[in-house]
């Protein structure tokens, strides 16, 4: 079964943002990350409020995330792209969640 048209458009936008738009902005903005999987980690962690794979059981995450989580991740990606969200701060929070998770195991 293929995703609904709105879901397909949301997934396509996610991939455009994380594979093309944000990586192209990384150098000029001096961001600490440059690769698609790094943007995806940061944004899905922020959208789920913790390490994303504790909330999304299968990979790829964008295909298995709930509509609400994917919508929030896209919203955050758009905000990062337009400068209204702070990518380095989101990255720091993501890394802190991951350190805490690792320390707890």
N, C-alpha and C. Protein backbone atom coordinates (compact mmCIF):
# COMPACT_ATOMS: atom_id res chain seq x y z
N UNK A 1 0.85 -1.18 0.00
CA UNK A 1 0.00 0.00 0.00
C UNK A 1 0.89 1.24 0.00
N UNK A 2 0.65 2.14 -0.91
CA UNK A 2 1.45 3.37 -0.97
C UNK A 2 0.85 4.43 -0.06
N UNK A 3 1.70 5.38 0.39
CA UNK A 3 1.20 6.42 1.29
C UNK A 3 0.17 7.31 0.61
N UNK A 4 -0.65 7.94 1.42
CA UNK A 4 -1.64 8.89 0.92
C UNK A 4 -0.92 10.05 0.23
N UNK A 5 -1.59 10.73 -0.73
CA UNK A 5 -0.93 11.83 -1.44
C UNK A 5 -0.34 12.89 -0.52
N UNK A 6 -1.04 13.29 0.52
CA UNK A 6 -0.50 14.30 1.44
C UNK A 6 0.74 13.77 2.14
N UNK A 7 0.71 12.51 2.52
CA UNK A 7 1.87 11.89 3.17
C UNK A 7 3.04 11.83 2.19
N UNK A 8 2.76 11.47 0.96
CA UNK A 8 3.82 11.41 -0.06
C UNK A 8 4.46 12.78 -0.25
N UNK A 9 3.65 13.82 -0.28
CA UNK A 9 4.18 15.18 -0.44
C UNK A 9 5.02 15.57 0.77
N UNK A 10 4.58 15.19 1.96
CA UNK A 10 5.32 15.50 3.19
C UNK A 10 6.67 14.77 3.19
N UNK A 11 6.66 13.50 2.79
CA UNK A 11 7.91 12.74 2.71
C UNK A 11 8.85 13.36 1.67
N UNK A 12 8.30 13.76 0.54
CA UNK A 12 9.12 14.38 -0.51
C UNK A 12 9.74 15.69 0.00
N UNK A 13 8.97 16.48 0.71
CA UNK A 13 9.48 17.73 1.26
C UNK A 13 10.57 17.46 2.28
N UNK A 14 10.37 16.46 3.13
CA UNK A 14 11.37 16.06 4.12
C UNK A 14 12.70 15.74 3.43
N UNK A 15 12.63 14.93 2.41
CA UNK A 15 13.85 14.53 1.71
C UNK A 15 14.50 15.72 1.00
N UNK A 16 13.71 16.59 0.42
CA UNK A 16 14.25 17.79 -0.21
C UNK A 16 14.97 18.68 0.81
N UNK A 17 14.33 18.87 1.96
CA UNK A 17 14.93 19.71 3.00
C UNK A 17 16.21 19.10 3.55
N UNK A 18 16.17 17.81 3.89
CA UNK A 18 17.31 17.21 4.58
C UNK A 18 18.42 16.74 3.65
N UNK A 19 18.09 16.48 2.38
CA UNK A 19 19.12 16.02 1.45
C UNK A 19 19.70 17.13 0.58
N UNK A 20 18.96 18.22 0.41
CA UNK A 20 19.43 19.27 -0.50
C UNK A 20 19.49 20.65 0.17
N UNK A 21 18.37 21.12 0.67
CA UNK A 21 18.29 22.50 1.15
C UNK A 21 19.18 22.74 2.37
N UNK A 22 19.02 21.94 3.41
CA UNK A 22 19.81 22.18 4.63
C UNK A 22 21.30 21.92 4.40
N UNK A 23 21.70 20.84 3.71
CA UNK A 23 23.13 20.68 3.45
C UNK A 23 23.73 21.85 2.67
N UNK A 24 22.97 22.43 1.75
CA UNK A 24 23.47 23.58 0.99
C UNK A 24 23.65 24.81 1.87
N UNK A 25 22.87 24.92 2.91
CA UNK A 25 22.96 26.06 3.83
C UNK A 25 24.04 25.87 4.89
N UNK A 26 24.49 24.65 5.11
CA UNK A 26 25.39 24.33 6.22
C UNK A 26 26.69 25.13 6.18
N UNK A 27 27.36 25.13 5.07
CA UNK A 27 28.63 25.85 4.96
C UNK A 27 28.49 27.34 5.17
N UNK A 28 27.61 27.98 4.40
CA UNK A 28 27.45 29.43 4.55
C UNK A 28 27.02 29.86 5.96
N UNK A 29 26.28 29.01 6.65
CA UNK A 29 25.82 29.38 7.99
C UNK A 29 26.74 28.87 9.10
N UNK A 30 27.76 28.13 8.75
CA UNK A 30 28.72 27.64 9.73
C UNK A 30 28.15 26.61 10.69
N UNK A 31 27.21 25.82 10.23
CA UNK A 31 26.60 24.80 11.10
C UNK A 31 27.58 23.67 11.41
N UNK A 32 27.40 23.02 12.55
CA UNK A 32 28.30 21.94 12.95
C UNK A 32 28.06 20.63 12.21
N UNK A 33 27.01 20.54 11.41
CA UNK A 33 26.71 19.33 10.64
C UNK A 33 26.50 19.72 9.18
N UNK A 34 26.71 18.72 8.30
CA UNK A 34 26.57 18.99 6.87
C UNK A 34 25.83 17.89 6.11
N UNK A 35 25.67 16.74 6.72
CA UNK A 35 25.13 15.58 6.00
C UNK A 35 23.66 15.33 6.32
N UNK A 36 22.97 14.76 5.34
CA UNK A 36 21.54 14.53 5.47
C UNK A 36 21.17 13.75 6.72
N UNK A 37 21.91 12.68 7.01
CA UNK A 37 21.55 11.86 8.17
C UNK A 37 21.71 12.63 9.48
N UNK A 38 22.62 13.60 9.52
CA UNK A 38 22.77 14.42 10.73
C UNK A 38 21.57 15.34 10.91
N UNK A 39 21.14 15.98 9.84
CA UNK A 39 19.94 16.82 9.92
C UNK A 39 18.74 15.98 10.32
N UNK A 40 18.62 14.79 9.76
CA UNK A 40 17.50 13.92 10.07
C UNK A 40 17.52 13.51 11.55
N UNK A 41 18.69 13.20 12.08
CA UNK A 41 18.80 12.86 13.51
C UNK A 41 18.34 14.01 14.37
N UNK A 42 18.89 15.18 14.11
CA UNK A 42 18.59 16.36 14.93
C UNK A 42 17.10 16.66 14.90
N UNK A 43 16.53 16.68 13.72
CA UNK A 43 15.13 17.09 13.56
C UNK A 43 14.16 16.04 14.08
N UNK A 44 14.45 14.76 13.85
CA UNK A 44 13.56 13.73 14.40
C UNK A 44 13.70 13.65 15.92
N UNK A 45 14.90 13.84 16.45
CA UNK A 45 15.03 13.88 17.91
C UNK A 45 14.19 15.02 18.47
N UNK A 46 14.28 16.19 17.86
CA UNK A 46 13.49 17.34 18.33
C UNK A 46 12.00 17.07 18.20
N UNK A 47 11.59 16.47 17.10
CA UNK A 47 10.16 16.22 16.87
C UNK A 47 9.59 15.18 17.82
N UNK A 48 10.44 14.25 18.28
CA UNK A 48 9.95 13.21 19.20
C UNK A 48 10.25 13.53 20.65
N UNK A 49 11.05 14.56 20.90
CA UNK A 49 11.37 14.93 22.28
C UNK A 49 12.36 14.02 22.94
N UNK A 50 13.21 13.40 22.16
CA UNK A 50 14.23 12.49 22.68
C UNK A 50 14.89 11.78 21.53
N UNK A 51 15.60 10.71 21.83
CA UNK A 51 16.26 9.94 20.77
C UNK A 51 15.17 9.30 19.90
N UNK A 52 15.17 9.62 18.63
CA UNK A 52 14.04 9.26 17.77
C UNK A 52 13.78 7.77 17.70
N UNK A 53 14.81 6.95 17.78
CA UNK A 53 14.54 5.52 17.64
C UNK A 53 13.90 4.90 18.88
N UNK A 54 13.73 5.69 19.93
CA UNK A 54 12.90 5.24 21.05
C UNK A 54 11.43 5.47 20.75
N UNK A 55 11.13 6.31 19.77
CA UNK A 55 9.74 6.65 19.41
C UNK A 55 9.31 6.09 18.06
N UNK A 56 10.27 5.82 17.18
CA UNK A 56 9.96 5.31 15.83
C UNK A 56 10.67 3.97 15.70
N UNK A 57 9.89 2.91 15.57
CA UNK A 57 10.47 1.57 15.70
C UNK A 57 11.18 1.04 14.46
N UNK A 58 10.88 1.57 13.30
CA UNK A 58 11.48 1.03 12.08
C UNK A 58 12.20 2.11 11.30
N UNK A 59 13.02 1.68 10.39
CA UNK A 59 13.76 2.58 9.51
C UNK A 59 13.36 2.32 8.07
N UNK A 60 13.39 3.30 7.22
CA UNK A 60 13.78 4.67 7.49
C UNK A 60 12.73 5.40 8.32
N UNK A 61 13.20 6.25 9.19
CA UNK A 61 12.32 6.93 10.15
C UNK A 61 11.21 7.72 9.47
N UNK A 62 11.53 8.42 8.39
CA UNK A 62 10.50 9.25 7.76
C UNK A 62 9.34 8.42 7.22
N UNK A 63 9.60 7.17 6.85
CA UNK A 63 8.53 6.31 6.36
C UNK A 63 7.67 5.74 7.47
N UNK A 64 8.25 5.61 8.66
CA UNK A 64 7.56 4.94 9.77
C UNK A 64 7.12 5.88 10.88
N UNK A 65 7.50 7.13 10.79
CA UNK A 65 7.05 8.12 11.78
C UNK A 65 5.56 8.36 11.61
N UNK A 66 4.92 8.71 12.71
CA UNK A 66 3.51 9.09 12.60
C UNK A 66 3.41 10.36 11.76
N UNK A 67 2.22 10.61 11.25
CA UNK A 67 2.01 11.84 10.48
C UNK A 67 2.37 13.06 11.32
N UNK A 68 1.99 13.04 12.60
CA UNK A 68 2.25 14.19 13.47
C UNK A 68 3.74 14.42 13.67
N UNK A 69 4.50 13.34 13.86
CA UNK A 69 5.95 13.48 14.06
C UNK A 69 6.62 13.96 12.78
N UNK A 70 6.25 13.37 11.64
CA UNK A 70 6.85 13.81 10.39
C UNK A 70 6.49 15.26 10.09
N UNK A 71 5.26 15.63 10.36
CA UNK A 71 4.84 17.01 10.14
C UNK A 71 5.66 17.97 11.02
N UNK A 72 5.88 17.60 12.27
CA UNK A 72 6.67 18.44 13.17
C UNK A 72 8.13 18.51 12.71
N UNK A 73 8.68 17.38 12.26
CA UNK A 73 10.06 17.38 11.77
C UNK A 73 10.21 18.27 10.54
N UNK A 74 9.24 18.23 9.65
CA UNK A 74 9.27 19.10 8.47
C UNK A 74 9.12 20.56 8.89
N UNK A 75 8.22 20.83 9.82
CA UNK A 75 8.04 22.19 10.31
C UNK A 75 9.35 22.73 10.89
N UNK A 76 10.03 21.91 11.69
CA UNK A 76 11.31 22.31 12.26
C UNK A 76 12.37 22.53 11.18
N UNK A 77 12.40 21.65 10.19
CA UNK A 77 13.36 21.80 9.08
C UNK A 77 13.13 23.10 8.33
N UNK A 78 11.86 23.43 8.10
CA UNK A 78 11.53 24.69 7.44
C UNK A 78 11.99 25.87 8.30
N UNK A 79 11.79 25.76 9.61
CA UNK A 79 12.20 26.84 10.52
C UNK A 79 13.72 27.00 10.54
N UNK A 80 14.43 25.89 10.52
CA UNK A 80 15.89 25.95 10.44
C UNK A 80 16.31 26.63 9.13
N UNK A 81 15.68 26.23 8.04
CA UNK A 81 16.02 26.80 6.73
C UNK A 81 15.76 28.30 6.68
N UNK A 82 14.65 28.73 7.28
CA UNK A 82 14.34 30.17 7.19
C UNK A 82 14.98 30.99 8.31
N UNK A 83 15.73 30.33 9.18
CA UNK A 83 16.48 31.03 10.22
C UNK A 83 15.72 31.28 11.50
N UNK A 84 14.50 30.77 11.62
CA UNK A 84 13.72 31.02 12.84
C UNK A 84 13.92 29.93 13.90
N UNK A 85 14.67 28.89 13.58
CA UNK A 85 15.05 27.88 14.57
C UNK A 85 16.56 27.75 14.55
N UNK A 86 17.13 27.51 15.71
CA UNK A 86 18.58 27.47 15.91
C UNK A 86 19.09 26.04 15.78
N UNK A 87 19.66 25.71 14.62
CA UNK A 87 20.14 24.35 14.39
C UNK A 87 21.22 23.94 15.40
N UNK A 88 22.24 24.76 15.68
CA UNK A 88 23.23 24.34 16.66
C UNK A 88 22.62 24.02 18.03
N UNK A 89 21.63 24.77 18.46
CA UNK A 89 20.97 24.48 19.74
C UNK A 89 20.20 23.17 19.67
N UNK A 90 19.52 22.93 18.56
CA UNK A 90 18.80 21.66 18.39
C UNK A 90 19.79 20.50 18.37
N UNK A 91 20.94 20.69 17.74
CA UNK A 91 21.96 19.65 17.71
C UNK A 91 22.49 19.38 19.12
N UNK A 92 22.76 20.43 19.87
CA UNK A 92 23.25 20.25 21.24
C UNK A 92 22.25 19.46 22.07
N UNK A 93 20.97 19.76 21.93
CA UNK A 93 19.94 19.05 22.69
C UNK A 93 19.88 17.58 22.26
N UNK A 94 19.96 17.34 20.96
CA UNK A 94 19.95 15.97 20.45
C UNK A 94 21.12 15.17 21.02
N UNK A 95 22.30 15.76 20.99
CA UNK A 95 23.48 15.08 21.51
C UNK A 95 23.37 14.83 23.02
N UNK A 96 22.79 15.76 23.75
CA UNK A 96 22.60 15.58 25.19
C UNK A 96 21.65 14.42 25.46
N UNK A 97 20.56 14.33 24.71
CA UNK A 97 19.64 13.19 24.88
C UNK A 97 20.36 11.88 24.60
N UNK A 98 21.20 11.87 23.60
CA UNK A 98 21.91 10.64 23.24
C UNK A 98 22.96 10.28 24.29
N UNK A 99 23.64 11.27 24.84
CA UNK A 99 24.60 10.99 25.92
C UNK A 99 23.87 10.44 27.14
N UNK A 100 22.74 11.04 27.48
CA UNK A 100 21.97 10.58 28.65
C UNK A 100 21.47 9.16 28.43
N UNK A 101 21.02 8.87 27.23
CA UNK A 101 20.52 7.53 26.93
C UNK A 101 21.65 6.50 27.05
N UNK A 102 22.82 6.86 26.51
CA UNK A 102 23.97 5.96 26.58
C UNK A 102 24.41 5.74 28.03
N UNK A 103 24.40 6.79 28.83
CA UNK A 103 24.79 6.69 30.24
C UNK A 103 23.84 5.81 31.02
N UNK A 104 22.58 5.79 30.62
CA UNK A 104 21.57 5.00 31.34
C UNK A 104 21.64 3.51 31.03
N UNK A 105 22.38 3.15 29.97
CA UNK A 105 22.45 1.73 29.61
C UNK A 105 23.64 1.04 30.21
